[in-house]
Protein backbone atom coordinates (compact mmCIF):
# COMPACT_ATOMS: atom_id res chain seq x y z
CA MET A 1 22.10 -10.04 24.68
CA ALA A 2 21.00 -10.95 21.10
CA ALA A 3 17.56 -12.46 20.61
CA GLU A 4 17.34 -16.17 19.89
CA VAL A 5 17.41 -16.98 16.20
CA GLN A 6 14.12 -18.34 14.75
CA GLU A 7 14.78 -20.67 11.86
CA GLY A 8 12.40 -21.40 9.02
CA ASP A 9 11.93 -21.86 5.26
CA VAL A 10 10.98 -18.43 3.88
CA ALA A 11 10.77 -14.98 5.26
CA ILE A 12 8.43 -12.50 3.49
CA VAL A 13 9.32 -8.85 4.00
CA GLY A 14 5.90 -6.98 3.69
CA ALA A 15 2.53 -8.12 4.77
CA GLY A 16 0.49 -6.27 2.20
CA PRO A 17 -1.84 -8.03 -0.22
CA VAL A 18 0.85 -9.45 -2.36
CA GLY A 19 2.86 -10.74 0.61
CA LEU A 20 -0.31 -12.38 2.02
CA PHE A 21 -0.99 -14.14 -1.14
CA ALA A 22 2.58 -15.31 -1.30
CA VAL A 23 1.87 -17.21 1.99
CA PHE A 24 -0.91 -19.12 0.14
CA GLU A 25 1.07 -19.99 -2.87
CA LEU A 26 4.14 -21.12 -0.75
CA GLY A 27 1.74 -23.10 1.46
CA MET A 28 0.25 -24.86 -1.51
CA LEU A 29 3.86 -26.06 -2.24
CA GLY A 30 4.36 -27.17 1.39
CA ILE A 31 6.52 -24.23 2.32
CA LYS A 32 6.12 -22.34 5.57
CA ALA A 33 6.43 -18.55 5.77
CA GLN A 34 7.04 -15.79 8.32
CA LEU A 35 6.10 -12.21 7.51
CA VAL A 36 7.63 -9.08 8.84
CA ASP A 37 5.94 -5.66 8.34
CA ALA A 38 6.57 -2.17 9.80
CA LEU A 39 2.82 -1.60 10.27
CA ASP A 40 1.10 -3.01 13.29
CA VAL A 41 -1.57 -4.74 11.06
CA VAL A 42 -1.44 -6.63 7.89
CA GLY A 43 -2.61 -5.25 4.61
CA GLY A 44 -0.05 -2.61 3.72
CA GLN A 45 -1.46 0.53 2.03
CA CYS A 46 -4.89 -1.12 1.68
CA ALA A 47 -5.06 -1.21 5.48
CA ALA A 48 -3.13 1.95 6.39
CA LEU A 49 -4.23 4.43 3.66
CA TYR A 50 -7.56 3.46 2.13
CA PRO A 51 -9.41 0.61 3.89
CA GLU A 52 -12.80 1.91 2.69
CA LYS A 53 -11.69 2.55 -0.87
CA PRO A 54 -13.19 0.21 -3.50
CA ILE A 55 -10.95 -1.83 -5.69
CA PHE A 56 -12.37 -2.83 -9.22
CA ASP A 57 -9.66 -4.87 -10.83
CA ILE A 58 -9.59 -8.08 -8.83
CA PRO A 59 -10.75 -10.95 -11.01
CA GLY A 60 -14.21 -12.22 -10.23
CA LEU A 61 -14.79 -9.40 -7.73
CA PRO A 62 -16.41 -6.51 -9.62
CA GLU A 63 -15.90 -4.32 -6.50
CA VAL A 64 -14.36 -5.00 -3.18
CA MET A 65 -13.39 -2.74 -0.34
CA ALA A 66 -9.64 -2.75 0.33
CA ALA A 67 -10.11 -3.77 3.97
CA ASP A 68 -12.39 -6.60 2.84
CA LEU A 69 -9.82 -7.87 0.40
CA VAL A 70 -7.24 -7.92 3.04
CA GLU A 71 -9.42 -9.92 5.38
CA GLN A 72 -10.06 -12.39 2.72
CA LEU A 73 -6.40 -12.77 1.82
CA LYS A 74 -5.59 -13.24 5.52
CA ARG A 75 -8.20 -16.02 5.74
CA GLN A 76 -6.78 -17.53 2.60
CA ALA A 77 -3.40 -17.74 4.24
CA GLU A 78 -4.56 -19.06 7.64
CA PRO A 79 -4.55 -22.82 6.72
CA PHE A 80 -0.74 -22.51 6.36
CA SER A 81 -0.12 -21.01 9.86
CA PRO A 82 1.96 -18.05 8.92
CA VAL A 83 3.96 -16.35 11.68
CA TYR A 84 3.53 -12.50 11.71
CA HIS A 85 6.23 -10.17 13.19
CA LEU A 86 4.42 -6.81 13.02
CA ASP A 87 5.28 -3.27 14.00
CA GLN A 88 8.89 -3.86 13.14
CA ARG A 89 10.94 -3.40 10.06
CA VAL A 90 13.80 -5.51 8.67
CA GLU A 91 17.01 -3.57 9.25
CA THR A 92 19.66 -5.98 7.97
CA LEU A 93 19.72 -8.91 5.54
CA GLU A 94 22.97 -10.88 5.57
CA ARG A 95 23.89 -14.09 3.75
CA GLN A 96 25.50 -16.75 6.03
CA ALA A 97 28.37 -19.14 5.25
CA ASP A 98 25.87 -21.97 4.69
CA GLY A 99 23.88 -19.99 2.10
CA ARG A 100 21.01 -19.17 4.40
CA TRP A 101 19.83 -15.50 5.16
CA LEU A 102 19.80 -13.88 8.51
CA LEU A 103 17.28 -11.01 8.98
CA GLU A 104 17.29 -8.73 11.99
CA THR A 105 14.50 -6.25 12.69
CA SER A 106 14.07 -2.99 14.47
CA LYS A 107 12.76 -4.86 17.56
CA GLY A 108 15.66 -7.34 17.58
CA THR A 109 13.86 -10.27 16.02
CA ARG A 110 16.24 -12.59 14.25
CA LEU A 111 15.10 -14.87 11.55
CA LEU A 112 17.38 -17.47 9.75
CA VAL A 113 15.87 -18.63 6.55
CA ARG A 114 16.69 -20.48 3.30
CA ALA A 115 14.92 -17.90 1.07
CA VAL A 116 13.55 -14.43 1.14
CA ILE A 117 10.59 -12.84 -0.74
CA ILE A 118 10.58 -9.00 -0.55
CA ALA A 119 7.01 -7.76 -0.94
CA GLY A 120 7.64 -4.33 0.49
CA GLY A 121 5.26 -2.38 -1.80
CA VAL A 122 6.64 1.14 -2.16
CA GLY A 123 9.09 0.70 0.74
CA ALA A 124 8.76 3.10 3.64
CA PHE A 125 6.07 5.55 2.91
CA GLY A 126 4.19 8.52 4.22
CA PRO A 127 1.99 11.30 2.93
CA ASN A 128 3.54 14.46 1.24
CA ARG A 129 2.40 17.22 3.68
CA PRO A 130 1.43 20.64 2.47
CA PRO A 131 3.72 23.47 3.68
CA ILE A 132 1.08 25.24 5.75
CA GLU A 133 1.83 27.13 8.92
CA GLY A 134 0.37 25.57 12.08
CA LEU A 135 -0.50 22.36 10.22
CA GLU A 136 0.56 20.03 13.12
CA ALA A 137 -2.22 21.14 15.38
CA PHE A 138 -4.97 20.39 12.82
CA GLU A 139 -3.26 17.04 12.06
CA ALA A 140 -3.35 16.19 15.89
CA SER A 141 -7.07 16.99 16.13
CA GLY A 142 -7.91 14.96 13.01
CA ALA A 143 -9.27 18.00 11.05
CA VAL A 144 -6.43 17.42 8.54
CA ARG A 145 -6.12 13.75 7.40
CA TYR A 146 -4.20 12.07 4.69
CA MET A 147 -6.41 9.00 4.41
CA VAL A 148 -10.05 8.00 4.73
CA THR A 149 -10.44 5.08 7.13
CA ARG A 150 -14.18 5.60 7.97
CA ARG A 151 -16.40 7.38 5.45
CA GLU A 152 -19.11 8.04 8.08
CA ASP A 153 -16.76 10.53 9.80
CA PHE A 154 -17.59 12.90 6.96
CA ARG A 155 -21.36 12.54 6.77
CA ASP A 156 -22.98 15.93 6.52
CA LYS A 157 -19.56 17.64 6.91
CA ARG A 158 -17.85 20.33 4.80
CA VAL A 159 -14.82 18.71 3.19
CA VAL A 160 -11.95 20.24 1.23
CA ILE A 161 -9.95 17.89 -0.94
CA ALA A 162 -6.64 19.07 -2.35
CA GLY A 163 -5.10 17.33 -5.32
CA GLY A 164 -5.63 16.36 -8.89
CA GLY A 165 -4.75 12.66 -9.07
CA ASP A 166 -6.69 9.39 -8.71
CA SER A 167 -6.94 9.49 -4.89
CA ALA A 168 -8.31 13.04 -4.92
CA LEU A 169 -10.88 12.18 -7.53
CA ASP A 170 -11.80 8.80 -6.09
CA TRP A 171 -12.66 10.29 -2.60
CA THR A 172 -14.39 13.24 -4.00
CA LEU A 173 -16.73 10.86 -5.82
CA SER A 174 -17.11 8.69 -2.78
CA LEU A 175 -17.65 11.42 -0.19
CA ALA A 176 -20.04 13.37 -2.42
CA GLU A 177 -22.58 10.59 -1.53
CA LEU A 178 -22.72 11.63 2.09
CA ALA A 179 -20.89 14.96 2.80
CA ALA A 180 -22.67 18.22 2.90
CA LYS A 181 -20.25 19.96 0.67
CA VAL A 182 -16.99 18.91 -1.13
CA TYR A 183 -14.57 21.50 -2.45
CA VAL A 184 -11.79 20.35 -4.66
CA ILE A 185 -8.63 22.50 -4.81
CA HIS A 186 -6.25 21.93 -7.70
CA ARG A 187 -3.59 24.15 -9.26
CA ARG A 188 -4.78 23.48 -12.77
CA ASP A 189 -8.14 23.04 -14.52
CA LYS A 190 -7.15 19.66 -15.88
CA PHE A 191 -6.91 16.63 -13.64
CA ARG A 192 -4.56 13.67 -13.76
CA GLY A 193 -7.04 10.92 -12.75
CA ALA A 194 -8.74 8.28 -14.89
CA PRO A 195 -10.89 9.84 -17.72
CA GLU A 196 -14.06 8.24 -16.39
CA SER A 197 -13.48 9.66 -12.88
CA VAL A 198 -12.68 13.09 -14.45
CA ALA A 199 -15.96 12.97 -16.39
CA ARG A 200 -17.88 12.00 -13.29
CA LEU A 201 -16.31 14.79 -11.22
CA LYS A 202 -17.18 17.47 -13.74
CA ALA A 203 -20.72 16.15 -13.97
CA LEU A 204 -21.05 16.53 -10.16
CA ALA A 205 -19.48 19.95 -10.27
CA GLU A 206 -21.93 21.08 -12.96
CA ASP A 207 -24.85 19.78 -10.92
CA GLY A 208 -23.52 22.16 -8.22
CA ARG A 209 -25.35 20.71 -5.16
CA VAL A 210 -22.35 19.10 -3.37
CA VAL A 211 -19.22 19.27 -5.33
CA GLU A 212 -17.41 22.56 -6.28
CA LEU A 213 -14.14 22.82 -8.25
CA VAL A 214 -11.83 25.47 -6.91
CA THR A 215 -9.23 25.89 -9.73
CA PRO A 216 -6.64 27.07 -10.52
CA TYR A 217 -5.91 27.52 -6.74
CA GLN A 218 -3.44 26.02 -4.24
CA LEU A 219 -3.69 25.57 -0.46
CA GLY A 220 -2.84 28.91 1.18
CA GLY A 221 -3.60 28.36 4.87
CA LEU A 222 -5.93 27.06 7.57
CA GLU A 223 -8.21 29.01 9.95
CA GLY A 224 -9.28 27.76 13.36
CA GLU A 225 -8.24 27.52 17.01
CA ASP A 226 -6.95 24.61 19.15
CA GLY A 227 -6.91 22.31 16.17
CA GLY A 228 -10.61 22.87 15.26
CA LEU A 229 -10.85 23.80 11.58
CA ASP A 230 -13.15 26.63 10.46
CA ALA A 231 -11.91 27.39 7.00
CA VAL A 232 -9.39 26.53 4.28
CA ILE A 233 -7.79 29.43 2.45
CA ALA A 234 -7.22 28.74 -1.30
CA ARG A 235 -4.83 30.93 -3.10
CA LYS A 236 -4.06 31.75 -6.86
CA LEU A 237 -0.50 32.45 -7.87
CA ASP A 238 -1.47 36.15 -8.25
CA GLY A 239 -2.41 36.29 -4.58
CA GLU A 240 -6.24 36.21 -5.02
CA GLU A 241 -7.77 34.15 -2.21
CA ARG A 242 -10.89 32.24 -1.48
CA ARG A 243 -12.15 31.34 2.04
CA LEU A 244 -13.78 27.94 2.09
CA GLU A 245 -15.75 27.08 5.32
CA ALA A 246 -14.74 23.48 6.20
CA ASP A 247 -14.65 20.85 8.88
CA PHE A 248 -12.03 18.71 7.24
CA LEU A 249 -9.05 19.02 4.89
CA LEU A 250 -7.83 15.95 2.91
CA PRO A 251 -4.64 16.78 1.12
CA PHE A 252 -3.75 14.08 -1.49
CA PHE A 253 -0.38 14.97 -2.91
CA GLY A 254 0.90 11.38 -3.08
CA LEU A 255 3.24 9.43 -0.95
CA SER A 256 6.81 10.23 0.07
CA MET A 257 8.57 6.90 -0.79
CA ASN A 258 12.01 5.42 0.03
CA LEU A 259 13.45 1.98 0.24
CA GLY A 260 14.83 2.49 3.73
CA PRO A 261 17.24 -0.27 4.76
CA ILE A 262 16.36 -2.34 1.66
CA ALA A 263 18.52 0.14 -0.30
CA HIS A 264 21.64 -1.08 1.66
CA TRP A 265 21.17 -4.83 1.20
CA GLY A 266 23.36 -5.05 -1.90
CA LEU A 267 20.48 -5.96 -4.26
CA GLY A 268 20.51 -4.61 -7.90
CA LEU A 269 18.33 -1.58 -8.01
CA ASP A 270 16.82 0.51 -10.75
CA GLN A 271 15.32 3.94 -9.69
CA HIS A 272 14.50 2.83 -6.13
CA HIS A 273 13.02 -0.52 -7.32
CA ILE A 274 14.57 -3.94 -7.15
CA LYS A 275 15.48 -5.50 -10.38
CA VAL A 276 14.18 -9.07 -10.87
CA ALA A 277 13.92 -11.70 -13.57
CA PRO A 278 10.51 -11.58 -14.87
CA ALA A 279 9.93 -15.37 -15.11
CA THR A 280 10.95 -16.02 -11.48
CA CYS A 281 11.08 -12.69 -9.68
CA ALA A 282 14.67 -13.61 -8.58
CA THR A 283 17.03 -10.87 -7.70
CA ASP A 284 20.79 -10.92 -8.27
CA ALA A 285 21.20 -12.53 -4.80
CA PRO A 286 20.72 -16.24 -4.59
CA GLY A 287 17.52 -17.19 -2.71
CA VAL A 288 16.08 -13.60 -2.59
CA TYR A 289 12.99 -12.66 -4.64
CA ALA A 290 10.97 -9.52 -4.97
CA ILE A 291 7.33 -9.12 -5.93
CA GLY A 292 4.70 -6.42 -6.18
CA ASP A 293 5.33 -2.66 -6.56
CA ILE A 294 8.86 -2.82 -5.23
CA ALA A 295 9.96 -5.25 -8.09
CA THR A 296 10.83 -4.12 -11.59
CA TYR A 297 11.53 -5.62 -15.03
CA GLU A 298 10.85 -4.86 -18.66
CA GLY A 299 7.12 -4.62 -19.26
CA LYS A 300 6.30 -4.33 -15.59
CA LEU A 301 2.73 -3.22 -14.70
CA LYS A 302 2.07 -1.86 -11.33
CA LEU A 303 -1.24 -3.64 -10.78
CA ILE A 304 -2.27 -5.53 -7.74
CA LEU A 305 -3.33 -8.55 -10.04
CA CYS A 306 0.18 -8.58 -11.47
CA GLY A 307 1.53 -8.67 -7.92
CA PHE A 308 -0.54 -11.69 -7.22
CA SER A 309 0.84 -13.42 -10.30
CA GLU A 310 4.39 -12.56 -9.30
CA ALA A 311 3.71 -14.11 -5.79
CA ALA A 312 2.77 -17.40 -7.57
CA MET A 313 5.87 -17.27 -9.84
CA ALA A 314 8.18 -16.49 -6.97
CA ALA A 315 6.69 -19.31 -4.86
CA HIS A 316 7.46 -21.85 -7.54
CA ALA A 317 10.94 -20.42 -8.03
CA VAL A 318 11.50 -20.66 -4.23
CA ARG A 319 10.44 -24.30 -4.24
CA ALA A 320 12.85 -25.13 -7.10
CA PHE A 321 15.58 -23.27 -5.23
CA LEU A 322 14.92 -25.18 -1.96
CA HIS A 323 14.39 -28.54 -3.52
CA PRO A 324 16.45 -28.56 -6.73
CA ASP A 325 16.58 -32.38 -7.05
CA GLU A 326 12.84 -32.94 -6.41
CA GLU A 327 10.45 -33.00 -9.30
CA LEU A 328 7.15 -31.10 -8.60
CA HIS A 329 4.01 -33.06 -9.19
CA TRP A 330 1.70 -30.11 -9.68
CA GLU A 331 -1.99 -30.30 -9.07
CA TYR A 332 -4.61 -27.50 -9.53
CA SER A 333 -6.31 -26.35 -6.23
CA THR A 334 -9.70 -27.45 -7.58
CA THR A 335 -8.50 -31.06 -7.57
CA ARG A 336 -6.06 -30.95 -4.63
CA GLY A 337 -7.94 -28.54 -2.31
CA VAL A 338 -6.21 -26.65 0.39
CA PRO A 339 -4.17 -28.80 2.75
CA GLY A 340 -5.27 -28.48 6.29
CA ALA A 341 -8.41 -26.57 5.38
CA ALA A 342 -11.73 -27.71 6.89
């Protein structure tokens, strides 16, 4: 028996930072929102992959931890009473005869709404796992991790970080403050991260007390029993090996990303992204919008602050779509305040 249909104004697919801010922007326009996310918590990648990673490009916040940013965005949305449907993903999106959209999730939740905002980030994602024999046992024990959710776990530990991008560099710089030793394995002598991060990394390596660069090497294997890690084997292309005594391995080889069911919703796509109009974030389907990393248009910048701007533009476009004959008397939040807030 099909689940009862829940009717509403807008459904937001994705409860990451940009989706959460869309709740606020819609709420300021008098529009209620429901959010669906495949994770069992709100916050998207900020919550699932790097809650303790500092973010530096939020206006007015010189530095904020990802988890703290999520908490503030959630608080900002609270006055508008959003409904969360977590730990389930939207499987189908179908337009009805009356122009509304019916969404059905992996848990059978059915939402009938007048507009949809897709804020799915990178879509379905997971870490790119290194091809190492016996990896699963070390993953199960927590000796191999693809994210840092609590820095304190690594205090006074020997950590091997593999990778040459921003995530590898950022966590090397962060964990160097508390780990006993941090080895960085990379297949080249050059790193792909931000120039300032590369300079700080090399300065720490030259100091030699905590950080050691292991280049040009690749991951070759793991040593240990019953999931307990004793050492990481680094190997050159010519077969030369180094044995690095370690308690943890953190491979940062990026995310494996795909749109999942979104790819089959009939929306205009461009290389696994949803094409939108830059002024409104509207897709080629009436009443469906896309914001954040999943959206693309000419000149697109994949920055969180741009995602926030897109949330505001999409919210105003949604209001015009829902109420085409009503003129909007717009007031700034400084004069209007937040409706319903104490």
